[in-house]
PDB file of N, CA and C in Angstrom:
ATOM      1  N   UNK A   1     163.744 119.961 102.858  1.00  0.00           N
ATOM      2  CA  UNK A   1     162.872 118.523 103.543  1.00  0.00           C
ATOM      3  C   UNK A   1     162.107 117.924 102.364  1.00  0.00           C
ATOM      4  N   UNK A   2     162.150 116.569 101.497  1.00  0.00           N
ATOM      5  CA  UNK A   2     161.786 115.720 100.470  1.00  0.00           C
ATOM      6  C   UNK A   2     159.998 115.761 101.683  1.00  0.00           C
ATOM      7  N   UNK A   3     159.134 115.765 100.677  1.00  0.00           N
ATOM      8  CA  UNK A   3     157.928 115.665 101.219  1.00  0.00           C
ATOM      9  C   UNK A   3     156.919 114.865 100.335  1.00  0.00           C
ATOM     10  N   UNK A   4     155.855 114.372 100.867  1.00  0.00           N
ATOM     11  CA  UNK A   4     154.700 113.842 100.167  1.00  0.00           C
ATOM     12  C   UNK A   4     153.679 114.774 100.454  1.00  0.00           C
ATOM     13  N   UNK A   5     152.517 114.511  99.351  1.00  0.00           N
ATOM     14  CA  UNK A   5     151.337 115.286  99.476  1.00  0.00           C
ATOM     15  C   UNK A   5     150.602 114.681  98.889  1.00  0.00           C
ATOM     16  N   UNK A   6     149.380 114.379  99.895  1.00  0.00           N
ATOM     17  CA  UNK A   6     148.216 113.462  99.479  1.00  0.00           C
ATOM     18  C   UNK A   6     146.652 114.585  99.053  1.00  0.00           C
ATOM     19  N   UNK A   7     146.181 114.388  98.078  1.00  0.00           N
ATOM     20  CA  UNK A   7     145.005 115.297  97.702  1.00  0.00           C
ATOM     21  C   UNK A   7     144.007 114.820  98.324  1.00  0.00           C
ATOM     22  N   UNK A   8     143.789 115.266  99.380  1.00  0.00           N
ATOM     23  CA  UNK A   8     142.566 115.102 100.482  1.00  0.00           C
ATOM     24  C   UNK A   8     141.597 114.129  99.551  1.00  0.00           C
ATOM     25  N   UNK A   9     140.663 114.714  98.895  1.00  0.00           N
ATOM     26  CA  UNK A   9     139.456 114.140  98.193  1.00  0.00           C
ATOM     27  C   UNK A   9     139.606 113.487  97.230  1.00  0.00           C
ATOM     28  N   UNK A  10     140.831 113.108  96.406  1.00  0.00           N
ATOM     29  CA  UNK A  10     140.741 112.245  95.535  1.00  0.00           C
ATOM     30  C   UNK A  10     140.764 110.928  96.276  1.00  0.00           C
ATOM     31  N   UNK A  11     141.627 110.806  97.323  1.00  0.00           N
ATOM     32  CA  UNK A  11     142.141 109.685  97.907  1.00  0.00           C
ATOM     33  C   UNK A  11     140.583 108.480  98.494  1.00  0.00           C
ATOM     34  N   UNK A  12     140.933 107.430  97.893  1.00  0.00           N
ATOM     35  CA  UNK A  12     139.727 106.297  98.355  1.00  0.00           C
ATOM     36  C   UNK A  12     140.433 105.050  99.052  1.00  0.00           C
ATOM     37  N   UNK A  13     141.353 105.461 100.113  1.00  0.00           N
ATOM     38  CA  UNK A  13     142.003 104.589 101.068  1.00  0.00           C
ATOM     39  C   UNK A  13     142.179 103.220 100.645  1.00  0.00           C
ATOM     40  N   UNK A  14     142.711 103.115  99.680  1.00  0.00           N
ATOM     41  CA  UNK A  14     143.094 101.830  99.377  1.00  0.00           C
ATOM     42  C   UNK A  14     144.493 101.583 100.256  1.00  0.00           C
ATOM     43  N   UNK A  15     145.454 101.912 100.772  1.00  0.00           N
ATOM     44  CA  UNK A  15     146.532 101.717 101.561  1.00  0.00           C
ATOM     45  C   UNK A  15     147.473 100.819 101.046  1.00  0.00           C
ATOM     46  N   UNK A  16     147.738 101.241  99.767  1.00  0.00           N
ATOM     47  CA  UNK A  16     148.824 100.813  98.888  1.00  0.00           C
ATOM     48  C   UNK A  16     150.110 102.050  99.270  1.00  0.00           C
ATOM     49  N   UNK A  17     149.806 103.036  99.261  1.00  0.00           N
ATOM     50  CA  UNK A  17     150.975 104.077  99.812  1.00  0.00           C
ATOM     51  C   UNK A  17     151.523 103.676 101.269  1.00  0.00           C
ATOM     52  N   UNK A  18     150.581 103.355 101.771  1.00  0.00           N
ATOM     53  CA  UNK A  18     150.735 102.907 103.304  1.00  0.00           C
ATOM     54  C   UNK A  18     151.408 101.660 103.481  1.00  0.00           C
ATOM     55  N   UNK A  19     151.111 100.954 103.099  1.00  0.00           N
ATOM     56  CA  UNK A  19     151.970  99.456 102.418  1.00  0.00           C
ATOM     57  C   UNK A  19     153.109  99.557 101.742  1.00  0.00           C
ATOM     58  N   UNK A  20     153.087 100.010 100.776  1.00  0.00           N
ATOM     59  CA  UNK A  20     154.768 100.422  99.895  1.00  0.00           C
ATOM     60  C   UNK A  20     155.350 101.109 100.289  1.00  0.00           C
ATOM     61  N   UNK A  21     155.359 101.912 101.206  1.00  0.00           N
ATOM     62  CA  UNK A  21     156.791 103.066 102.065  1.00  0.00           C
ATOM     63  C   UNK A  21     157.407 102.746 102.213  1.00  0.00           C
ATOM     64  N   UNK A  22     158.721 102.518 102.004  1.00  0.00           N
ATOM     65  CA  UNK A  22     159.882 101.453 102.780  1.00  0.00           C
ATOM     66  C   UNK A  22     160.017 102.624 103.926  1.00  0.00           C
ATOM     67  N   UNK A  23     159.991 103.697 104.286  1.00  0.00           N
ATOM     68  CA  UNK A  23     160.325 104.175 105.088  1.00  0.00           C
ATOM     69  C   UNK A  23     159.340 104.427 106.068  1.00  0.00           C
ATOM     70  N   UNK A  24     157.673 103.880 106.137  1.00  0.00           N
ATOM     71  CA  UNK A  24     156.730 104.413 106.774  1.00  0.00           C
ATOM     72  C   UNK A  24     156.379 105.388 106.929  1.00  0.00           C
ATOM     73  N   UNK A  25     156.396 106.232 106.202  1.00  0.00           N
ATOM     74  CA  UNK A  25     156.512 107.655 106.322  1.00  0.00           C
ATOM     75  C   UNK A  25     154.637 108.194 106.388  1.00  0.00           C
ATOM     76  N   UNK A  26     153.857 107.363 105.704  1.00  0.00           N
ATOM     77  CA  UNK A  26     152.424 107.341 105.447  1.00  0.00           C
ATOM     78  C   UNK A  26     152.121 106.348 106.737  1.00  0.00           C
ATOM     79  N   UNK A  27     150.701 106.853 107.050  1.00  0.00           N
ATOM     80  CA  UNK A  27     149.577 106.188 108.130  1.00  0.00           C
ATOM     81  C   UNK A  27     148.522 106.515 107.820  1.00  0.00           C
ATOM     82  N   UNK A  28     147.505 105.723 108.091  1.00  0.00           N
ATOM     83  CA  UNK A  28     146.466 105.812 108.250  1.00  0.00           C
ATOM     84  C   UNK A  28     145.355 107.134 108.910  1.00  0.00           C
ATOM     85  N   UNK A  29     144.939 107.990 107.819  1.00  0.00           N
ATOM     86  CA  UNK A  29     144.353 109.481 108.758  1.00  0.00           C
ATOM     87  C   UNK A  29     142.902 109.257 109.774  1.00  0.00           C
ATOM     88  N   UNK A  30     142.795 110.139 110.089  1.00  0.00           N
ATOM     89  CA  UNK A  30     141.462 110.073 111.305  1.00  0.00           C
ATOM     90  C   UNK A  30     140.351 110.610 110.685  1.00  0.00           C
ATOM     91  N   UNK A  31     140.617 111.489 109.774  1.00  0.00           N
ATOM     92  CA  UNK A  31     139.558 112.877 108.973  1.00  0.00           C
ATOM     93  C   UNK A  31     138.926 112.058 107.965  1.00  0.00           C
ATOM     94  N   UNK A  32     137.613 112.292 107.393  1.00  0.00           N
ATOM     95  CA  UNK A  32     137.199 111.788 106.679  1.00  0.00           C
ATOM     96  C   UNK A  32     136.620 112.723 105.637  1.00  0.00           C
ATOM     97  N   UNK A  33     137.116 112.334 104.217  1.00  0.00           N
ATOM     98  CA  UNK A  33     137.306 112.937 103.131  1.00  0.00           C
ATOM     99  C   UNK A  33     135.578 112.792 102.544  1.00  0.00           C
ATOM    100  N   UNK A  34     135.385 113.921 101.610  1.00  0.00           N
ATOM    101  CA  UNK A  34     133.941 114.197 100.945  1.00  0.00           C
ATOM    102  C   UNK A  34     133.272 112.574 100.721  1.00  0.00           C
ATOM    103  N   UNK A  35     133.885 112.128 100.276  1.00  0.00           N
ATOM    104  CA  UNK A  35     133.522 110.377  99.881  1.00  0.00           C
ATOM    105  C   UNK A  35     133.167 109.631 100.547  1.00  0.00           C
ATOM    106  N   UNK A  36     133.673 109.746 102.282  1.00  0.00           N
ATOM    107  CA  UNK A  36     133.331 108.859 103.252  1.00  0.00           C
ATOM    108  C   UNK A  36     134.748 108.189 103.453  1.00  0.00           C
ATOM    109  N   UNK A  37     135.994 107.834 102.624  1.00  0.00           N
ATOM    110  CA  UNK A  37     137.538 107.315 103.349  1.00  0.00           C
ATOM    111  C   UNK A  37     138.505 108.419 104.121  1.00  0.00           C
ATOM    112  N   UNK A  38     138.533 107.669 104.642  1.00  0.00           N
ATOM    113  CA  UNK A  38     139.971 108.295 105.624  1.00  0.00           C
ATOM    114  C   UNK A  38     141.452 108.044 105.069  1.00  0.00           C
ATOM    115  N   UNK A  39     141.722 109.479 103.736  1.00  0.00           N
ATOM    116  CA  UNK A  39     142.976 109.095 103.552  1.00  0.00           C
ATOM    117  C   UNK A  39     143.910 109.160 104.540  1.00  0.00           C
ATOM    118  N   UNK A  40     145.207 108.288 104.262  1.00  0.00           N
ATOM    119  CA  UNK A  40     146.131 108.638 104.473  1.00  0.00           C
ATOM    120  C   UNK A  40     147.113 110.043 104.885  1.00  0.00           C
ATOM    121  N   UNK A  41     148.193 110.325 106.101  1.00  0.00           N
ATOM    122  CA  UNK A  41     148.547 111.320 106.289  1.00  0.00           C
ATOM    123  C   UNK A  41     150.534 111.051 106.661  1.00  0.00           C
ATOM    124  N   UNK A  42     151.229 111.776 106.134  1.00  0.00           N
ATOM    125  CA  UNK A  42     152.500 111.571 106.710  1.00  0.00           C
ATOM    126  C   UNK A  42     152.456 111.815 107.772  1.00  0.00           C
ATOM    127  N   UNK A  43     153.267 110.710 108.468  1.00  0.00           N
ATOM    128  CA  UNK A  43     153.457 110.649 110.159  1.00  0.00           C
ATOM    129  C   UNK A  43     154.915 110.982 110.421  1.00  0.00           C
ATOM    130  N   UNK A  44     155.902 110.588 109.309  1.00  0.00           N
ATOM    131  CA  UNK A  44     157.318 110.571 109.213  1.00  0.00           C
ATOM    132  C   UNK A  44     158.045 111.099 108.025  1.00  0.00           C
ATOM    133  N   UNK A  45     157.285 112.640 107.872  1.00  0.00           N
ATOM    134  CA  UNK A  45     157.814 113.574 106.726  1.00  0.00           C
ATOM    135  C   UNK A  45     159.014 113.580 106.573  1.00  0.00           C
ATOM    136  N   UNK A  46     159.933 113.783 108.089  1.00  0.00           N
ATOM    137  CA  UNK A  46     161.360 113.556 107.678  1.00  0.00           C
ATOM    138  C   UNK A  46     161.967 112.542 107.413  1.00  0.00           C
ATOM    139  N   UNK A  47     161.414 111.356 107.115  1.00  0.00           N
ATOM    140  CA  UNK A  47     162.014 109.878 106.674  1.00  0.00           C
ATOM    141  C   UNK A  47     162.136 110.024 105.847  1.00  0.00           C
ATOM    142  N   UNK A  48     161.156 110.566 105.048  1.00  0.00           N
ATOM    143  CA  UNK A  48     160.848 110.630 103.147  1.00  0.00           C
ATOM    144  C   UNK A  48     161.910 110.534 102.453  1.00  0.00           C
ATOM    145  N   UNK A  49     162.265 109.829 101.613  1.00  0.00           N
ATOM    146  CA  UNK A  49     163.500 109.534 100.685  1.00  0.00           C
ATOM    147  C   UNK A  49     162.808 110.017  99.468  1.00  0.00           C
ATOM    148  N   UNK A  50     162.038 110.263  99.073  1.00  0.00           N
ATOM    149  CA  UNK A  50     161.162 110.755  97.893  1.00  0.00           C
ATOM    150  C   UNK A  50     161.432 109.739  96.838  1.00  0.00           C
ATOM    151  N   UNK A  51     161.149 108.986  97.258  1.00  0.00           N
ATOM    152  CA  UNK A  51     161.715 107.509  96.212  1.00  0.00           C
ATOM    153  C   UNK A  51     160.599 107.132  95.231  1.00  0.00           C
ATOM    154  N   UNK A  52     159.185 107.880  95.620  1.00  0.00           N
ATOM    155  CA  UNK A  52     157.960 107.964  94.457  1.00  0.00           C
ATOM    156  C   UNK A  52     157.467 106.577  94.585  1.00  0.00           C
ATOM    157  N   UNK A  53     157.204 105.665  95.304  1.00  0.00           N
ATOM    158  CA  UNK A  53     156.716 104.638  95.183  1.00  0.00           C
ATOM    159  C   UNK A  53     155.384 104.655  95.410  1.00  0.00           C
ATOM    160  N   UNK A  54     155.201 105.630  96.504  1.00  0.00           N
ATOM    161  CA  UNK A  54     153.577 106.024  97.056  1.00  0.00           C
ATOM    162  C   UNK A  54     153.277 106.739  95.851  1.00  0.00           C
ATOM    163  N   UNK A  55     153.912 107.442  95.277  1.00  0.00           N
ATOM    164  CA  UNK A  55     152.900 107.867  94.117  1.00  0.00           C
ATOM    165  C   UNK A  55     152.554 107.087  92.976  1.00  0.00           C
ATOM    166  N   UNK A  56     153.511 105.856  92.509  1.00  0.00           N
ATOM    167  CA  UNK A  56     153.179 104.998  91.881  1.00  0.00           C
ATOM    168  C   UNK A  56     152.509 104.129  91.728  1.00  0.00           C
ATOM    169  N   UNK A  57     152.138 103.608  93.000  1.00  0.00           N
ATOM    170  CA  UNK A  57     151.085 102.653  93.618  1.00  0.00           C
ATOM    171  C   UNK A  57     149.852 103.006  93.375  1.00  0.00           C
ATOM    172  N   UNK A  58     149.647 104.637  93.782  1.00  0.00           N
ATOM    173  CA  UNK A  58     148.190 104.998  93.889  1.00  0.00           C
ATOM    174  C   UNK A  58     147.360 104.921  92.707  1.00  0.00           C
ATOM    175  N   UNK A  59     146.035 103.884  92.630  1.00  0.00           N
ATOM    176  CA  UNK A  59     145.547 103.999  91.428  1.00  0.00           C
ATOM    177  C   UNK A  59     144.639 105.682  91.322  1.00  0.00           C
ATOM    178  N   UNK A  60     144.628 106.187  92.184  1.00  0.00           N
ATOM    179  CA  UNK A  60     143.745 107.636  92.062  1.00  0.00           C
ATOM    180  C   UNK A  60     145.132 108.434  91.366  1.00  0.00           C
ATOM    181  N   UNK A  61     145.997 108.491  91.599  1.00  0.00           N
ATOM    182  CA  UNK A  61     146.842 109.671  91.075  1.00  0.00           C
ATOM    183  C   UNK A  61     146.831 110.608  92.246  1.00  0.00           C
ATOM    184  N   UNK A  62     146.597 110.344  93.657  1.00  0.00           N
ATOM    185  CA  UNK A  62     146.279 111.471  94.559  1.00  0.00           C
ATOM    186  C   UNK A  62     148.054 111.649  95.287  1.00  0.00           C
ATOM    187  N   UNK A  63     148.801 111.474  94.511  1.00  0.00           N
ATOM    188  CA  UNK A  63     150.246 111.494  95.554  1.00  0.00           C
ATOM    189  C   UNK A  63     150.779 112.198  94.853  1.00  0.00           C
ATOM    190  N   UNK A  64     151.715 113.616  95.286  1.00  0.00           N
ATOM    191  CA  UNK A  64     152.509 113.943  94.774  1.00  0.00           C
ATOM    192  C   UNK A  64     153.905 113.664  95.409  1.00  0.00           C
ATOM    193  N   UNK A  65     155.055 113.594  95.131  1.00  0.00           N
ATOM    194  CA  UNK A  65     156.456 113.557  95.956  1.00  0.00           C
ATOM    195  C   UNK A  65     157.501 114.458  95.390  1.00  0.00           C
ATOM    196  N   UNK A  66     157.971 115.329  96.474  1.00  0.00           N
ATOM    197  CA  UNK A  66     158.477 116.287  95.922  1.00  0.00           C
ATOM    198  C   UNK A  66     160.449 116.087  96.345  1.00  0.00           C
ATOM    199  N   UNK A  67     160.976 116.363  95.806  1.00  0.00           N
ATOM    200  CA  UNK A  67     162.388 115.877  96.422  1.00  0.00           C
ATOM    201  C   UNK A  67     163.389 117.579  96.584  1.00  0.00           C
ATOM    202  N   UNK A  68     163.638 117.592  98.046  1.00  0.00           N
ATOM    203  CA  UNK A  68     164.387 118.575  98.136  1.00  0.00           C
ATOM    204  C   UNK A  68     165.887 118.459  97.062  1.00  0.00           C
ATOM    205  N   UNK A  69     166.308 119.333  96.471  1.00  0.00           N
ATOM    206  CA  UNK A  69     167.528 119.480  95.752  1.00  0.00           C
ATOM    207  C   UNK A  69     168.398 120.503  96.262  1.00  0.00           C
ATOM    208  N   UNK A  70     169.585 120.240  96.776  1.00  0.00           N
ATOM    209  CA  UNK A  70     170.345 121.006  97.333  1.00  0.00           C
ATOM    210  C   UNK A  70     171.675 121.450  96.408  1.00  0.00           C
ATOM    211  N   UNK A  71     172.125 122.764  96.513  1.00  0.00           N
ATOM    212  CA  UNK A  71     172.338 123.393  95.252  1.00  0.00           C
ATOM    213  C   UNK A  71     173.993 123.214  95.942  1.00  0.00           C
ATOM    214  N   UNK A  72     175.146 123.258  94.752  1.00  0.00           N
ATOM    215  CA  UNK A  72     176.403 122.618  95.259  1.00  0.00           C
ATOM    216  C   UNK A  72     177.210 124.041  95.264  1.00  0.00           C
TER     217      UNK A  72
END
């Protein structure tokens, strides 16, 4: 399964990843990080297509996207 991981403490809650995800995998979270922000969390991880848009638009570089590689 593809997956999106957010480095919780680096996030500044800008919302770009939530806004630009074409599959709406991410949503604003309800837990506060040490900086006082509410980082997003994956809510529909199974819908992730590993396009990487969320990682590219993140100004903090706090997102990593992993794509499942199926062997032939």
